[in-house]
Amino acid sequence: MLGKNRIKKIENLEPLLKLDVLDLHGNQISKVENLGHLSELRVLNLAGNLIAHVNQVMGLLSLAELNLRRNKIRTVIEINTLPNLQRLFLSFNEISRLVLVCVSL
């Protein structure tokens, strides 16, 4: 758990190939990046950051829960590339556009 810190960028996670939960809530992250190699990640919590756009989530094939509450999100893209997504939290954002948010069951 790395919540409630001053992290500004998601980086240096390359060695953590078996990581299944990543909690970075309450930081200063503005971009979702450098996560594509985490193919076993099931839970990603980025709530309470400064994220404006949701993209760069391709490759997170095991992701079941994505928490993006309380960010600055205006656009959500690529959610349909998450085949195991079961829970998506987007409340308290500035969403004006959803692109391909339907997940095939």
N, C-alpha and C. Protein backbone atom coordinates (compact mmCIF):
# COMPACT_ATOMS: atom_id res chain seq x y z
N MET A 1 0.84 -1.18 0.00
CA MET A 1 0.00 0.00 0.00
C MET A 1 0.88 1.24 0.00
N LEU A 2 0.67 2.10 -0.97
CA LEU A 2 1.44 3.34 -1.07
C LEU A 2 0.51 4.55 -1.09
N GLY A 3 -0.66 4.39 -0.51
CA GLY A 3 -1.62 5.47 -0.46
C GLY A 3 -1.19 6.61 0.44
N LYS A 4 -1.74 7.80 0.17
CA LYS A 4 -1.52 8.99 0.99
C LYS A 4 -0.04 9.38 1.09
N ASN A 5 0.63 9.41 -0.06
CA ASN A 5 2.01 9.84 -0.13
C ASN A 5 2.11 11.02 -1.10
N ARG A 6 3.26 11.23 -1.66
CA ARG A 6 3.46 12.34 -2.61
C ARG A 6 3.95 11.83 -3.96
N ILE A 7 3.53 10.64 -4.30
CA ILE A 7 3.95 10.03 -5.56
C ILE A 7 3.32 10.79 -6.73
N LYS A 8 4.13 11.17 -7.70
CA LYS A 8 3.65 11.93 -8.86
C LYS A 8 3.59 11.11 -10.13
N LYS A 9 4.30 10.00 -10.16
CA LYS A 9 4.39 9.19 -11.38
C LYS A 9 4.42 7.71 -11.03
N ILE A 10 3.71 6.91 -11.82
CA ILE A 10 3.76 5.46 -11.65
C ILE A 10 4.99 4.97 -12.42
N GLU A 11 5.97 4.45 -11.69
CA GLU A 11 7.20 4.00 -12.34
C GLU A 11 7.92 2.97 -11.47
N ASN A 12 8.91 2.32 -12.07
CA ASN A 12 9.78 1.36 -11.40
C ASN A 12 9.06 0.13 -10.87
N LEU A 13 8.00 -0.29 -11.53
CA LEU A 13 7.27 -1.48 -11.10
C LEU A 13 7.61 -2.71 -11.95
N GLU A 14 8.52 -2.57 -12.89
CA GLU A 14 8.86 -3.65 -13.82
C GLU A 14 9.22 -4.97 -13.14
N PRO A 15 9.94 -4.98 -12.02
CA PRO A 15 10.28 -6.26 -11.38
C PRO A 15 9.10 -6.97 -10.71
N LEU A 16 7.99 -6.29 -10.53
CA LEU A 16 6.88 -6.84 -9.76
C LEU A 16 5.85 -7.55 -10.65
N LEU A 17 6.30 -8.52 -11.41
CA LEU A 17 5.45 -9.19 -12.39
C LEU A 17 4.29 -9.96 -11.76
N LYS A 18 4.39 -10.37 -10.54
CA LYS A 18 3.34 -11.16 -9.87
C LYS A 18 2.41 -10.29 -9.02
N LEU A 19 2.59 -8.98 -9.06
CA LEU A 19 1.77 -8.06 -8.25
C LEU A 19 0.30 -8.21 -8.60
N ASP A 20 -0.56 -8.39 -7.59
CA ASP A 20 -1.99 -8.53 -7.87
C ASP A 20 -2.83 -7.40 -7.29
N VAL A 21 -2.31 -6.61 -6.36
CA VAL A 21 -3.02 -5.45 -5.81
C VAL A 21 -2.05 -4.28 -5.77
N LEU A 22 -2.50 -3.14 -6.34
CA LEU A 22 -1.68 -1.93 -6.30
C LEU A 22 -2.56 -0.78 -5.82
N ASP A 23 -2.22 -0.24 -4.65
CA ASP A 23 -2.99 0.85 -4.04
C ASP A 23 -2.14 2.11 -4.00
N LEU A 24 -2.47 3.06 -4.85
CA LEU A 24 -1.77 4.33 -4.93
C LEU A 24 -2.74 5.49 -4.69
N HIS A 25 -3.76 5.28 -3.89
CA HIS A 25 -4.76 6.33 -3.67
C HIS A 25 -4.16 7.50 -2.89
N GLY A 26 -4.73 8.67 -3.11
CA GLY A 26 -4.34 9.84 -2.34
C GLY A 26 -2.94 10.35 -2.61
N ASN A 27 -2.48 10.23 -3.85
CA ASN A 27 -1.17 10.74 -4.22
C ASN A 27 -1.33 11.92 -5.18
N GLN A 28 -0.34 12.18 -5.98
CA GLN A 28 -0.37 13.31 -6.92
C GLN A 28 -0.15 12.83 -8.35
N ILE A 29 -0.64 11.64 -8.65
CA ILE A 29 -0.46 11.02 -9.96
C ILE A 29 -1.41 11.67 -10.96
N SER A 30 -0.87 12.07 -12.12
CA SER A 30 -1.69 12.73 -13.12
C SER A 30 -1.92 11.88 -14.36
N LYS A 31 -1.22 10.76 -14.46
CA LYS A 31 -1.30 9.94 -15.66
C LYS A 31 -1.24 8.46 -15.31
N VAL A 32 -2.11 7.66 -15.93
CA VAL A 32 -2.06 6.21 -15.77
C VAL A 32 -1.03 5.70 -16.78
N GLU A 33 0.08 5.18 -16.30
CA GLU A 33 1.15 4.75 -17.21
C GLU A 33 2.00 3.67 -16.55
N ASN A 34 2.80 3.00 -17.38
CA ASN A 34 3.77 2.00 -16.91
C ASN A 34 3.16 0.84 -16.15
N LEU A 35 1.97 0.41 -16.58
CA LEU A 35 1.30 -0.69 -15.89
C LEU A 35 1.08 -1.90 -16.80
N GLY A 36 1.28 -1.75 -18.09
CA GLY A 36 0.96 -2.79 -19.07
C GLY A 36 1.59 -4.14 -18.83
N HIS A 37 2.72 -4.19 -18.16
CA HIS A 37 3.42 -5.45 -17.89
C HIS A 37 2.84 -6.20 -16.69
N LEU A 38 1.93 -5.59 -15.95
CA LEU A 38 1.38 -6.22 -14.73
C LEU A 38 0.17 -7.07 -15.09
N SER A 39 0.40 -8.14 -15.82
CA SER A 39 -0.69 -8.97 -16.34
C SER A 39 -1.47 -9.71 -15.26
N GLU A 40 -0.94 -9.82 -14.05
CA GLU A 40 -1.65 -10.50 -12.96
C GLU A 40 -2.34 -9.54 -12.00
N LEU A 41 -2.27 -8.24 -12.28
CA LEU A 41 -2.89 -7.24 -11.41
C LEU A 41 -4.41 -7.40 -11.43
N ARG A 42 -5.02 -7.60 -10.25
CA ARG A 42 -6.46 -7.78 -10.12
C ARG A 42 -7.15 -6.53 -9.60
N VAL A 43 -6.47 -5.76 -8.73
CA VAL A 43 -7.07 -4.58 -8.10
C VAL A 43 -6.13 -3.39 -8.27
N LEU A 44 -6.67 -2.30 -8.81
CA LEU A 44 -5.89 -1.08 -8.97
C LEU A 44 -6.68 0.08 -8.37
N ASN A 45 -6.12 0.70 -7.34
CA ASN A 45 -6.78 1.82 -6.67
C ASN A 45 -5.96 3.08 -6.92
N LEU A 46 -6.51 3.97 -7.74
CA LEU A 46 -5.88 5.26 -8.04
C LEU A 46 -6.81 6.40 -7.62
N ALA A 47 -7.67 6.16 -6.67
CA ALA A 47 -8.62 7.18 -6.21
C ALA A 47 -7.87 8.35 -5.57
N GLY A 48 -8.45 9.54 -5.69
CA GLY A 48 -7.90 10.70 -5.02
C GLY A 48 -6.58 11.19 -5.57
N ASN A 49 -6.41 11.10 -6.87
CA ASN A 49 -5.20 11.61 -7.52
C ASN A 49 -5.57 12.77 -8.44
N LEU A 50 -4.77 13.03 -9.45
CA LEU A 50 -4.99 14.15 -10.36
C LEU A 50 -5.16 13.69 -11.80
N ILE A 51 -5.67 12.48 -11.99
CA ILE A 51 -5.78 11.86 -13.31
C ILE A 51 -6.91 12.51 -14.10
N ALA A 52 -6.60 12.91 -15.35
CA ALA A 52 -7.59 13.57 -16.20
C ALA A 52 -8.15 12.64 -17.27
N HIS A 53 -7.37 11.66 -17.73
CA HIS A 53 -7.80 10.75 -18.79
C HIS A 53 -7.47 9.32 -18.41
N VAL A 54 -8.39 8.42 -18.71
CA VAL A 54 -8.14 7.00 -18.46
C VAL A 54 -7.81 6.35 -19.79
N ASN A 55 -6.57 5.99 -19.96
CA ASN A 55 -6.10 5.21 -21.08
C ASN A 55 -4.87 4.46 -20.58
N GLN A 56 -4.17 3.81 -21.44
CA GLN A 56 -2.98 3.05 -21.04
C GLN A 56 -3.30 1.94 -20.04
N VAL A 57 -4.47 1.32 -20.18
CA VAL A 57 -4.80 0.19 -19.31
C VAL A 57 -4.76 -1.13 -20.07
N MET A 58 -4.44 -1.08 -21.35
CA MET A 58 -4.33 -2.31 -22.13
C MET A 58 -3.23 -3.18 -21.52
N GLY A 59 -3.45 -4.46 -21.52
CA GLY A 59 -2.47 -5.37 -20.95
C GLY A 59 -2.81 -5.81 -19.53
N LEU A 60 -3.73 -5.12 -18.89
CA LEU A 60 -4.14 -5.49 -17.53
C LEU A 60 -5.27 -6.52 -17.63
N LEU A 61 -4.94 -7.67 -18.17
CA LEU A 61 -5.94 -8.67 -18.52
C LEU A 61 -6.62 -9.31 -17.31
N SER A 62 -5.99 -9.28 -16.15
CA SER A 62 -6.58 -9.89 -14.94
C SER A 62 -7.32 -8.88 -14.08
N LEU A 63 -7.29 -7.61 -14.46
CA LEU A 63 -7.88 -6.56 -13.62
C LEU A 63 -9.38 -6.78 -13.42
N ALA A 64 -9.80 -6.91 -12.17
CA ALA A 64 -11.20 -7.11 -11.82
C ALA A 64 -11.80 -5.86 -11.18
N GLU A 65 -10.97 -5.05 -10.52
CA GLU A 65 -11.47 -3.84 -9.85
C GLU A 65 -10.57 -2.65 -10.15
N LEU A 66 -11.21 -1.57 -10.61
CA LEU A 66 -10.49 -0.34 -10.93
C LEU A 66 -11.19 0.82 -10.22
N ASN A 67 -10.48 1.44 -9.28
CA ASN A 67 -11.04 2.55 -8.50
C ASN A 67 -10.37 3.84 -8.92
N LEU A 68 -11.15 4.72 -9.54
CA LEU A 68 -10.66 6.01 -10.01
C LEU A 68 -11.50 7.16 -9.44
N ARG A 69 -12.14 6.94 -8.31
CA ARG A 69 -12.94 7.99 -7.68
C ARG A 69 -12.08 9.21 -7.36
N ARG A 70 -12.73 10.36 -7.28
CA ARG A 70 -12.11 11.62 -6.82
C ARG A 70 -10.83 11.96 -7.58
N ASN A 71 -10.93 12.00 -8.90
CA ASN A 71 -9.83 12.44 -9.74
C ASN A 71 -10.32 13.63 -10.55
N LYS A 72 -9.72 13.90 -11.68
CA LYS A 72 -10.09 14.99 -12.58
C LYS A 72 -10.47 14.43 -13.94
N ILE A 73 -10.97 13.20 -13.95
CA ILE A 73 -11.20 12.47 -15.20
C ILE A 73 -12.29 13.13 -16.04
N ARG A 74 -11.95 13.36 -17.31
CA ARG A 74 -12.89 13.91 -18.30
C ARG A 74 -13.23 12.88 -19.36
N THR A 75 -12.27 12.01 -19.67
CA THR A 75 -12.44 11.03 -20.74
C THR A 75 -12.03 9.64 -20.26
N VAL A 76 -12.85 8.64 -20.59
CA VAL A 76 -12.55 7.25 -20.26
C VAL A 76 -12.46 6.48 -21.57
N ILE A 77 -11.29 5.91 -21.84
CA ILE A 77 -11.04 5.17 -23.08
C ILE A 77 -10.40 3.83 -22.74
N GLU A 78 -10.66 2.82 -23.55
CA GLU A 78 -10.01 1.50 -23.45
C GLU A 78 -10.55 0.60 -22.35
N ILE A 79 -11.60 0.98 -21.67
CA ILE A 79 -12.13 0.12 -20.61
C ILE A 79 -12.57 -1.23 -21.18
N ASN A 80 -13.01 -1.24 -22.42
CA ASN A 80 -13.45 -2.50 -23.03
C ASN A 80 -12.30 -3.48 -23.27
N THR A 81 -11.06 -3.06 -23.07
CA THR A 81 -9.92 -3.96 -23.24
C THR A 81 -9.61 -4.73 -21.95
N LEU A 82 -10.44 -4.57 -20.95
CA LEU A 82 -10.25 -5.24 -19.66
C LEU A 82 -11.28 -6.36 -19.52
N PRO A 83 -10.97 -7.56 -20.02
CA PRO A 83 -11.97 -8.62 -20.10
C PRO A 83 -12.47 -9.13 -18.76
N ASN A 84 -11.74 -8.94 -17.67
CA ASN A 84 -12.15 -9.46 -16.36
C ASN A 84 -12.66 -8.38 -15.42
N LEU A 85 -12.82 -7.17 -15.93
CA LEU A 85 -13.28 -6.06 -15.08
C LEU A 85 -14.69 -6.33 -14.56
N GLN A 86 -14.84 -6.29 -13.24
CA GLN A 86 -16.13 -6.51 -12.59
C GLN A 86 -16.61 -5.27 -11.85
N ARG A 87 -15.68 -4.49 -11.31
CA ARG A 87 -16.05 -3.30 -10.54
C ARG A 87 -15.26 -2.09 -11.04
N LEU A 88 -16.00 -1.04 -11.42
CA LEU A 88 -15.40 0.18 -11.92
C LEU A 88 -15.98 1.35 -11.14
N PHE A 89 -15.13 2.11 -10.45
CA PHE A 89 -15.58 3.23 -9.63
C PHE A 89 -15.08 4.53 -10.25
N LEU A 90 -16.02 5.38 -10.68
CA LEU A 90 -15.67 6.64 -11.36
C LEU A 90 -16.39 7.84 -10.75
N SER A 91 -16.97 7.71 -9.59
CA SER A 91 -17.72 8.83 -9.01
C SER A 91 -16.80 9.99 -8.62
N PHE A 92 -17.37 11.16 -8.54
CA PHE A 92 -16.66 12.40 -8.15
C PHE A 92 -15.51 12.72 -9.11
N ASN A 93 -15.84 12.76 -10.40
CA ASN A 93 -14.91 13.14 -11.44
C ASN A 93 -15.57 14.22 -12.29
N GLU A 94 -14.99 14.52 -13.43
CA GLU A 94 -15.52 15.53 -14.35
C GLU A 94 -15.78 14.91 -15.72
N ILE A 95 -16.34 13.72 -15.74
CA ILE A 95 -16.50 12.95 -16.97
C ILE A 95 -17.47 13.63 -17.92
N SER A 96 -16.98 13.83 -19.15
CA SER A 96 -17.83 14.38 -20.21
C SER A 96 -17.93 13.43 -21.39
N ARG A 97 -17.08 12.39 -21.42
CA ARG A 97 -17.07 11.48 -22.55
C ARG A 97 -16.65 10.07 -22.14
N LEU A 98 -17.47 9.11 -22.49
CA LEU A 98 -17.16 7.69 -22.28
C LEU A 98 -17.00 7.05 -23.64
N VAL A 99 -15.89 6.40 -23.89
CA VAL A 99 -15.65 5.75 -25.17
C VAL A 99 -15.39 4.27 -24.93
N LEU A 100 -16.24 3.42 -25.53
CA LEU A 100 -16.08 1.98 -25.41
C LEU A 100 -16.02 1.51 -23.97
N VAL A 101 -17.05 1.81 -23.19
CA VAL A 101 -17.05 1.39 -21.79
C VAL A 101 -17.76 0.06 -21.56
N CYS A 102 -18.36 -0.50 -22.59
CA CYS A 102 -19.05 -1.77 -22.43
C CYS A 102 -18.05 -2.91 -22.40
N VAL A 103 -18.18 -3.78 -21.42
CA VAL A 103 -17.30 -4.92 -21.29
C VAL A 103 -18.08 -6.16 -21.69
N SER A 104 -17.54 -6.96 -22.59
CA SER A 104 -18.20 -8.20 -23.01
C SER A 104 -18.20 -9.19 -21.87
N LEU A 105 -19.34 -9.82 -21.68
CA LEU A 105 -19.44 -10.83 -20.60
C LEU A 105 -19.43 -12.21 -21.17
